Protein backbone atom coordinates (compact mmCIF):
# COMPACT_ATOMS: atom_id res chain seq x y z
CA UNK A 1 200.97 205.39 95.60
CA UNK A 2 201.29 201.65 96.21
CA UNK A 3 201.01 200.86 92.46
CA UNK A 4 203.91 203.06 91.20
CA UNK A 5 206.23 201.89 94.03
CA UNK A 6 205.45 198.27 93.19
CA UNK A 7 206.05 198.90 89.49
CA UNK A 8 209.41 200.56 90.23
CA UNK A 9 210.43 197.47 92.19
CA UNK A 10 209.36 195.27 89.29
CA UNK A 11 211.36 197.44 86.87
CA UNK A 12 214.49 196.78 88.89
CA UNK A 13 213.76 193.05 88.69
CA UNK A 14 213.36 193.26 84.91
CA UNK A 15 216.61 195.18 84.52
CA UNK A 16 218.46 192.46 86.36
CA UNK A 17 216.74 189.86 84.17
CA UNK A 18 218.05 191.59 81.06
CA UNK A 19 221.25 189.60 81.41
CA UNK A 20 219.25 186.50 80.51
CA UNK A 21 218.64 188.09 77.12
CA UNK A 22 222.31 188.83 76.60
CA UNK A 23 224.07 192.13 76.48
CA UNK A 24 222.36 193.50 73.38
CA UNK A 25 221.92 196.90 74.98
CA UNK A 26 224.14 198.37 72.26
CA UNK A 27 220.83 198.43 70.37
CA UNK A 28 222.17 197.97 66.87
CA UNK A 29 219.24 197.79 64.45
CA UNK A 30 219.39 194.69 62.30
CA UNK A 31 216.93 192.51 60.51
CA UNK A 32 216.44 189.03 61.92
CA UNK A 33 216.03 186.45 59.20
CA UNK A 34 215.49 182.75 59.54
CA UNK A 35 217.89 181.05 57.14
CA UNK A 36 218.22 177.42 56.23
CA UNK A 37 221.65 176.01 55.64
CA UNK A 38 222.49 172.59 54.37
CA UNK A 39 220.82 170.49 51.73
CA UNK A 40 217.30 169.15 51.46
CA UNK A 41 218.31 165.48 51.76
CA UNK A 42 217.75 165.57 55.54
CA UNK A 43 221.17 164.01 56.13
CA UNK A 44 222.04 166.53 58.85
CA UNK A 45 221.18 165.70 62.45
CA UNK A 46 217.80 166.97 63.65
CA UNK A 47 218.01 170.10 65.79
CA UNK A 48 215.74 170.64 68.77
CA UNK A 49 213.24 173.44 69.26
CA UNK A 50 215.75 175.54 71.15
CA UNK A 51 218.86 175.28 69.04
CA UNK A 52 220.97 178.40 68.65
CA UNK A 53 219.24 179.71 65.51
CA UNK A 54 215.74 179.18 66.93
CA UNK A 55 216.69 180.92 70.17
CA UNK A 56 218.18 183.86 68.25
CA UNK A 57 214.94 184.21 66.27
CA UNK A 58 212.71 184.01 69.38
CA UNK A 59 214.94 186.39 71.31
CA UNK A 60 214.95 188.90 68.45
CA UNK A 61 216.26 192.40 69.10
CA UNK A 62 215.09 195.19 71.40
CA UNK A 63 212.08 196.94 69.89
CA UNK A 64 212.62 200.48 68.65
CA UNK A 65 212.76 203.17 71.36
CA UNK A 66 209.40 204.93 71.33
CA UNK A 67 206.58 206.69 73.16
CA UNK A 68 203.20 204.95 73.24
CA UNK A 69 200.11 207.14 73.27
CA UNK A 70 196.43 206.28 73.24
CA UNK A 71 195.06 202.76 73.07
CA UNK A 72 191.78 201.31 71.94
CA UNK A 73 190.54 197.75 72.42
CA UNK A 74 188.21 195.50 70.47
CA UNK A 75 186.67 192.76 72.60
CA UNK A 76 185.97 189.86 70.28
CA UNK A 77 183.40 188.34 72.65
CA UNK A 78 180.98 191.22 71.99
CA UNK A 79 181.29 192.90 75.39
CA UNK A 80 183.04 196.09 74.28
CA UNK A 81 181.72 199.60 73.75
CA UNK A 82 182.43 199.75 70.01
CA UNK A 83 180.81 196.50 68.90
CA UNK A 84 178.96 194.96 71.79
CA UNK A 85 177.07 195.32 75.01
CA UNK A 86 179.25 198.05 76.48
CA UNK A 87 180.20 195.95 79.50
CA UNK A 88 183.93 196.46 78.82
CA UNK A 89 185.81 199.72 78.27
CA UNK A 90 187.35 200.14 74.81
CA UNK A 91 189.06 203.55 75.41
CA UNK A 92 192.23 202.77 77.34
CA UNK A 93 194.14 206.12 77.41
CA UNK A 94 197.61 204.52 77.35
CA UNK A 95 200.74 206.52 78.03
CA UNK A 96 204.00 204.62 78.05
CA UNK A 97 207.40 204.12 76.52
CA UNK A 98 209.81 201.45 75.38
CA UNK A 99 213.55 201.86 75.70
CA UNK A 100 216.32 199.36 74.91
CA UNK A 101 213.83 196.51 74.83
CA UNK A 102 211.96 197.39 78.03
CA UNK A 103 208.51 198.94 78.28
CA UNK A 104 206.48 200.59 81.00
CA UNK A 105 203.20 202.44 81.01
CA UNK A 106 199.82 203.03 82.50
CA UNK A 107 196.33 202.73 81.04
CA UNK A 108 192.68 202.31 81.96
CA UNK A 109 191.84 198.62 81.57
CA UNK A 110 188.66 197.02 80.26
CA UNK A 111 187.11 197.22 83.73
CA UNK A 112 187.78 200.98 84.10
CA UNK A 113 190.65 200.40 86.55
CA UNK A 114 193.99 202.24 86.44
CA UNK A 115 196.61 199.64 85.49
CA UNK A 116 200.42 199.79 85.40
CA UNK A 117 202.52 197.61 83.10
CA UNK A 118 206.19 196.77 82.83
CA UNK A 119 207.93 194.27 80.60
CA UNK A 120 210.04 193.43 77.58
CA UNK A 121 209.47 194.58 73.97
CA UNK A 122 211.20 192.42 71.35
CA UNK A 123 211.33 192.66 67.55
CA UNK A 124 211.72 189.42 65.57
CA UNK A 125 211.05 190.72 62.04
CA UNK A 126 211.32 194.07 60.24
CA UNK A 127 211.09 195.14 56.62
CA UNK A 128 211.45 198.57 55.07
CA UNK A 129 209.21 199.02 52.04
CA UNK A 130 210.66 202.46 51.39
CA UNK A 131 212.99 204.81 53.28
CA UNK A 132 209.93 206.07 55.19
CA UNK A 133 207.66 202.97 55.49
CA UNK A 134 208.48 200.06 57.82
CA UNK A 135 206.60 196.96 58.97
CA UNK A 136 207.75 195.02 62.00
CA UNK A 137 206.58 192.13 64.14
CA UNK A 138 207.52 191.13 67.64
CA UNK A 139 206.11 190.59 71.08
CA UNK A 140 205.66 192.15 74.48
CA UNK A 141 205.60 190.26 77.74
CA UNK A 142 205.66 191.36 81.31
CA UNK A 143 203.63 192.15 84.40
CA UNK A 144 200.45 194.12 85.12
CA UNK A 145 199.21 195.67 88.32
CA UNK A 146 195.64 196.95 88.61
CA UNK A 147 193.25 194.29 87.30
CA UNK A 148 192.32 193.24 90.85
CA UNK A 149 189.96 190.22 90.75
CA UNK A 150 189.42 190.50 86.99
CA UNK A 151 192.63 188.60 86.13
CA UNK A 152 194.35 185.77 87.94
CA UNK A 153 197.04 187.39 90.05
CA UNK A 154 199.45 186.99 92.91
CA UNK A 155 199.32 189.97 95.29
CA UNK A 156 197.61 191.97 92.53
CA UNK A 157 200.29 191.21 89.90
CA UNK A 158 199.29 189.43 86.67
CA UNK A 159 201.37 188.38 83.69
CA UNK A 160 200.81 189.14 80.03
CA UNK A 161 202.24 188.10 76.67
CA UNK A 162 201.12 189.26 73.24
CA UNK A 163 202.32 189.40 69.65
CA UNK A 164 202.57 192.92 68.23
CA UNK A 165 202.55 194.08 64.59
CA UNK A 166 203.62 197.62 63.74
CA UNK A 167 203.40 199.88 60.72
CA UNK A 168 205.49 203.06 60.75
CA UNK A 169 205.62 206.09 58.46
CA UNK A 170 208.81 208.03 59.20
CA UNK A 171 208.58 208.25 63.01
CA UNK A 172 204.82 207.86 63.51
CA UNK A 173 203.44 204.36 63.83
CA UNK A 174 200.55 202.21 64.95
CA UNK A 175 200.86 198.92 66.80
CA UNK A 176 198.29 196.12 66.68
CA UNK A 177 198.48 193.80 69.67
CA UNK A 178 196.70 190.46 69.99
CA UNK A 179 195.83 189.60 73.59
CA UNK A 180 195.22 185.82 73.89
CA UNK A 181 192.01 186.32 75.90
CA UNK A 182 190.25 187.60 72.75
CA UNK A 183 191.10 191.30 72.65
CA UNK A 184 192.75 193.31 69.88
CA UNK A 185 194.52 196.52 70.88
CA UNK A 186 195.63 199.45 68.74
CA UNK A 187 197.93 202.22 69.92
CA UNK A 188 199.92 205.08 68.41
CA UNK A 189 203.70 205.11 68.60
CA UNK A 190 206.24 207.92 68.17
CA UNK A 191 209.68 206.48 67.45
CA UNK A 192 212.60 208.08 69.23
CA UNK A 193 215.23 206.19 67.25
CA UNK A 194 214.76 205.26 63.62
CA UNK A 195 215.55 201.86 62.17
CA UNK A 196 216.53 200.97 58.65
CA UNK A 197 217.57 197.79 56.86
């Protein structure tokens, strides 16, 4: 019971932090494109890493509202069940959701421990190849509870950040996540809202 109560508290913290990302809770689907204005003579003043356009690109938009079901992992160090020694669990049994740019869920981690997650889901690129086929890219970042001594943590809470690439047919999609510690994840997604260009 301690885990869900802690995650609810963290959710409230994330909701209050949403103001740092602006009031884009109107959730209007748009495509984020990086455009270059000006000429190529480099006579305009140099902009820093966090100028307005760069920040808008990094911030992106809230990811599409969706349910996340099932997750499988591939441990690139050869310790997984699929392609390795079997030391780490590759069947993660994820159930979760993302709504208005926030995500929450629970899964069985690589060490067979029940883990709870909460965080932000952002989309920085999307392209429709047809009315039914969409590719998008973005990221998820947030907090995890449940890895115990297997991840660096403070009072059992660890952080995570990962790029995510999605492919969607109508409302059914798959997401590929790249965890920086050398793990690829794949999960199914059922979109609740539907985006178009």
